């Protein structure tokens, strides 16, 4: 099985209220060396055969991301990258 990972993030010029809330909360946890936080989504697509990056890009562009306000990156994840 081949896994393709799609990371979706708001475009840099779009405000990220969730990220800002996390960044504002960090000093209460004693973390003072973080200047900003951006929050995104990770979507995993498992293909039965070889990973189809063109198909994954089409899925991301038409279904997973809003191209007006979001960017996405696609990559193949190796089986050894899984963490327990």
Protein backbone atom coordinates (compact mmCIF):
# COMPACT_ATOMS: atom_id res chain seq x y z
CA UNK A 1 0.00 0.00 0.00
CA UNK A 2 1.32 3.45 -0.90
CA UNK A 3 0.51 6.48 1.22
CA UNK A 4 0.39 10.02 -0.10
CA UNK A 5 0.28 12.82 2.44
CA UNK A 6 -1.37 16.14 1.65
CA UNK A 7 -0.53 19.05 3.95
CA UNK A 8 -3.00 21.94 3.68
CA UNK A 9 -2.11 25.35 5.13
CA UNK A 10 -3.69 28.77 4.95
CA UNK A 11 -1.87 31.05 2.53
CA UNK A 12 0.61 33.33 4.33
CA UNK A 13 -1.50 36.43 3.71
CA UNK A 14 -4.59 34.86 5.33
CA UNK A 15 -5.04 35.43 9.06
CA UNK A 16 -4.86 32.27 11.17
CA UNK A 17 -6.91 32.85 14.34
CA UNK A 18 -6.25 29.31 15.65
CA UNK A 19 -2.51 29.74 15.23
CA UNK A 20 -2.66 33.16 16.86
CA UNK A 21 -4.57 31.73 19.84
CA UNK A 22 -1.92 29.04 20.31
CA UNK A 23 0.90 31.58 19.98
CA UNK A 24 -0.79 33.81 22.58
CA UNK A 25 -1.14 30.87 25.00
CA UNK A 26 2.47 29.72 24.80
CA UNK A 27 3.89 32.30 27.25
CA UNK A 28 1.50 30.94 29.90
CA UNK A 29 3.29 27.62 29.47
CA UNK A 30 6.68 29.29 29.83
CA UNK A 31 7.45 29.20 26.10
CA UNK A 32 8.73 32.63 25.11
CA UNK A 33 10.91 31.93 22.07
CA UNK A 34 8.11 31.25 19.52
CA UNK A 35 7.25 34.20 17.30
CA UNK A 36 4.26 32.74 15.42
CA UNK A 37 2.19 29.59 14.93
CA UNK A 38 0.26 28.47 11.85
CA UNK A 39 -2.29 25.63 12.04
CA UNK A 40 -3.00 23.32 9.10
CA UNK A 41 -4.35 19.89 8.22
CA UNK A 42 -2.69 16.61 7.27
CA UNK A 43 -4.62 14.25 5.03
CA UNK A 44 -3.38 10.71 4.28
CA UNK A 45 -4.47 8.97 1.08
CA UNK A 46 -3.69 5.26 0.78
CA UNK A 47 -3.45 3.93 -2.78
CA UNK A 48 -3.76 0.18 -3.39
CA UNK A 49 -0.91 0.17 -5.90
CA UNK A 50 1.77 2.70 -6.73
CA UNK A 51 1.17 6.22 -5.39
CA UNK A 52 -0.48 8.41 -8.01
CA UNK A 53 0.73 11.94 -7.31
CA UNK A 54 -1.23 13.43 -10.20
CA UNK A 55 -4.45 11.88 -8.87
CA UNK A 56 -3.60 13.03 -5.33
CA UNK A 57 -2.97 16.56 -6.63
CA UNK A 58 -6.36 16.53 -8.38
CA UNK A 59 -8.07 15.30 -5.18
CA UNK A 60 -6.36 18.00 -3.12
CA UNK A 61 -7.13 20.76 -5.59
CA UNK A 62 -10.79 19.86 -6.09
CA UNK A 63 -11.79 18.49 -2.69
CA UNK A 64 -9.29 18.90 0.15
CA UNK A 65 -8.11 22.50 -0.17
CA UNK A 66 -9.77 25.81 -0.95
CA UNK A 67 -7.33 27.27 -3.52
CA UNK A 68 -8.53 30.80 -2.79
CA UNK A 69 -7.22 30.79 0.79
CA UNK A 70 -5.14 27.60 1.13
CA UNK A 71 -1.97 26.09 -0.31
CA UNK A 72 -1.15 22.39 -0.26
CA UNK A 73 1.90 20.17 -0.57
CA UNK A 74 1.91 16.53 -1.57
CA UNK A 75 4.50 13.89 -0.74
CA UNK A 76 4.82 10.13 -0.67
CA UNK A 77 5.32 8.80 2.82
CA UNK A 78 7.56 5.78 3.18
CA UNK A 79 6.37 2.85 5.27
CA UNK A 80 9.30 3.35 7.67
CA UNK A 81 8.07 6.87 8.50
CA UNK A 82 5.26 5.55 10.72
CA UNK A 83 5.65 6.42 14.40
CA UNK A 84 3.90 4.63 17.25
